[in-house]
Protein backbone atom coordinates (compact mmCIF):
# COMPACT_ATOMS: atom_id res chain seq x y z
CA ILE A 1 131.33 86.89 131.34
CA ASN A 2 130.78 85.43 134.78
CA ALA A 3 133.03 85.88 137.83
CA GLU A 4 134.21 82.25 137.86
CA TYR A 5 135.44 82.54 134.28
CA MET A 6 137.25 85.81 135.00
CA GLY A 7 138.83 84.25 138.12
CA ARG A 8 140.16 81.30 136.07
CA PHE A 9 141.39 83.69 133.38
CA ARG A 10 143.26 85.85 135.93
CA SER A 11 144.85 82.84 137.63
CA MET A 12 145.98 81.46 134.25
CA ALA A 13 147.39 84.86 133.26
CA ALA A 14 149.27 85.08 136.57
CA ALA A 15 150.72 81.61 135.96
CA GLY A 16 151.91 82.72 132.50
CA GLU A 17 149.54 80.53 130.45
CA THR A 18 148.57 82.03 127.10
CA SER A 19 145.51 79.95 126.15
CA VAL A 20 142.08 81.33 126.95
CA PRO A 21 139.81 78.99 128.98
CA ALA A 22 136.43 77.92 127.67
CA ALA A 23 133.51 79.97 128.99
CA SER A 24 132.24 76.95 130.95
CA GLU A 25 132.01 73.20 130.60
CA GLY A 26 129.09 71.92 128.50
CA VAL A 27 128.00 75.38 127.29
CA GLN A 28 128.46 76.37 123.67
CA THR A 29 130.10 79.65 122.79
CA THR A 30 127.93 82.33 121.21
CA ASP A 31 129.10 81.59 117.65
CA ALA A 32 128.62 77.83 118.02
CA ALA A 33 125.21 78.34 119.65
CA SER A 34 124.03 80.64 116.86
CA GLN A 35 125.27 78.21 114.19
CA ALA A 36 123.45 75.31 115.87
CA ASP A 37 120.34 77.49 116.18
CA GLU A 38 120.43 78.33 112.46
CA GLN A 39 120.72 74.64 111.56
CA GLN A 40 117.73 73.71 113.75
CA THR A 41 115.45 76.58 112.71
CA PRO A 42 113.54 75.76 109.52
CA GLN A 43 113.67 78.32 106.74
CA TRP A 44 110.70 79.20 104.55
CA LYS A 45 110.94 80.53 101.04
CA ILE A 46 108.23 83.12 100.62
CA THR A 47 107.44 85.32 97.65
CA ILE A 48 106.36 88.92 97.88
CA GLN A 49 104.39 90.70 95.18
CA LEU A 50 105.12 94.45 95.22
CA PRO A 51 102.39 96.94 94.25
CA ASN A 52 104.18 98.43 91.23
CA ALA A 53 106.07 95.33 90.10
CA ASP A 54 105.40 92.84 87.37
CA SER A 55 103.04 90.24 88.86
CA ALA A 56 104.76 87.47 86.89
CA ASN A 57 108.03 88.11 88.76
CA PRO A 58 107.44 88.28 92.53
CA LEU A 59 110.49 88.59 94.78
CA ALA A 60 111.65 85.53 96.72
CA PHE A 61 112.95 85.76 100.28
CA ILE A 62 114.07 83.27 102.91
CA HIS A 63 112.57 83.74 106.37
CA SER A 64 112.24 81.80 109.56
CA PRO A 65 108.69 80.83 110.57
CA THR A 66 109.30 82.72 113.82
CA ASP A 67 110.01 86.01 112.01
CA SER A 68 107.35 88.65 112.49
CA MET A 69 105.68 90.66 109.78
CA GLN A 70 107.68 93.63 111.10
CA ASP A 71 110.86 91.80 110.04
CA VAL A 72 109.42 91.27 106.56
CA ARG A 73 108.27 94.92 106.47
CA ALA A 74 111.76 96.17 107.32
CA LEU A 75 113.24 94.10 104.51
CA VAL A 76 110.67 95.21 101.94
CA ALA A 77 110.94 98.88 102.96
CA GLU A 78 114.64 98.86 102.01
CA LEU A 79 114.05 97.59 98.48
CA PRO A 80 114.89 100.13 95.77
CA SER A 81 111.46 99.69 94.17
CA MET A 82 109.80 100.60 97.49
CA LEU A 83 111.81 103.75 98.25
CA TRP A 84 108.88 106.05 97.52
CA THR A 85 106.23 103.89 99.18
CA THR A 86 106.29 104.15 102.95
CA SER A 87 102.67 103.45 103.84
CA PHE A 88 101.82 99.86 102.98
CA TYR A 89 100.52 96.64 104.46
CA PHE A 90 100.67 92.95 103.61
CA GLU A 91 97.83 90.78 102.36
CA PHE A 92 97.57 87.01 102.31
CA HIS A 93 94.61 85.50 100.41
CA GLY A 94 92.98 88.95 100.31
CA LYS A 95 93.14 89.50 104.08
CA ARG A 96 95.19 92.24 105.73
CA LEU A 97 97.86 90.82 108.03
CA ASN A 98 98.74 92.02 111.50
CA ASP A 99 102.20 93.65 111.45
CA PHE A 100 103.11 92.01 114.76
CA ALA A 101 102.12 88.44 113.86
CA GLU A 102 104.72 85.74 113.37
CA LEU A 103 104.70 84.04 109.97
CA GLN A 104 103.88 80.67 111.54
CA SER A 105 100.81 82.12 113.27
CA ILE A 106 99.14 83.16 110.01
CA PRO A 107 96.44 80.61 109.08
CA ASN A 108 97.39 78.49 106.04
CA PHE A 109 100.72 80.30 105.63
CA LYS A 110 103.55 77.87 104.89
CA ASP A 111 106.76 77.45 102.95
CA GLY A 112 106.25 78.72 99.40
CA SER A 113 103.37 81.12 100.23
CA THR A 114 103.02 84.50 98.55
CA LEU A 115 102.37 87.82 100.28
CA ARG A 116 101.03 90.84 98.44
CA VAL A 117 102.11 94.36 99.36
CA ALA A 118 99.21 96.83 99.17
CA LYS A 119 99.45 100.60 99.44
CA ASP A 120 97.82 102.04 102.54
CA ALA A 121 96.28 105.43 103.21
CA TYR A 122 98.58 108.01 104.75
CA ASN A 123 97.86 109.25 108.26
CA GLU A 124 99.83 111.90 110.16
CA HIS A 125 102.44 109.39 111.38
CA ALA A 126 102.88 107.88 107.89
CA VAL A 127 103.28 111.34 106.36
CA ARG A 128 106.01 112.24 108.86
CA THR A 129 107.77 108.94 108.18
CA HIS A 130 107.52 109.53 104.44
CA VAL A 131 108.89 113.08 104.65
CA ARG A 132 111.74 111.90 106.88
CA ARG A 133 112.55 109.15 104.37
CA VAL A 134 112.50 111.51 101.39
CA ARG A 135 114.76 113.93 103.25
CA ASP A 136 117.17 111.09 104.00
CA LEU A 137 117.15 110.06 100.33
CA VAL A 138 117.97 113.53 99.07
CA GLY A 139 120.60 114.06 101.74
CA LEU A 140 118.78 116.42 104.06
CA SER A 141 118.62 115.57 107.71
CA THR A 142 116.33 116.89 110.44
CA ALA A 143 119.19 116.51 112.94
CA ASP A 144 120.58 119.92 112.00
CA GLN A 145 117.10 121.44 111.60
CA PRO A 146 114.88 119.92 114.34
CA TRP A 147 112.26 122.66 113.93
CA ILE A 148 111.19 121.11 110.59
CA SER A 149 109.50 118.16 112.32
CA SER A 150 107.84 120.16 115.06
CA PRO A 151 104.03 120.50 115.18
CA LEU A 152 104.41 124.28 114.83
CA ALA A 153 106.32 123.84 111.56
CA VAL A 154 103.69 121.42 110.27
CA GLU A 155 100.95 123.99 111.01
CA HIS A 156 103.01 126.76 109.40
CA LEU A 157 103.70 124.72 106.27
CA SER A 158 100.05 123.68 105.87
């Protein structure tokens, strides 16, 4: 909130007025701006084929063309059928996609396109992420036992 707005608000409060002034003339409030933004941003229906799912029934999602593959990844990672798969990547027409690319920047990708989720090899980071996820699922947390994720513990457990 800017100083001019706060000054008007204080002077109105001192005068006993109970209505709140608009943030500024000609500027939409946050809610109105976000609603207008949603109406102007096109939405794409994309389908995602999971690695262990029936290929005849891919999942359908609505995304903005400006969403990144990281946004799609976060959504897919939370699906119940993907709980035990933490190392994966997306393919489009047989080509591996960059996780940081926007949907609209992928060649030939458009409304109605299908992405395929493929399992990826586990590296050290992916293993740590997977173990952390499994511990979260079974109700164990590393917050009360930070030594479990330390490199010394990994060497000891190997």
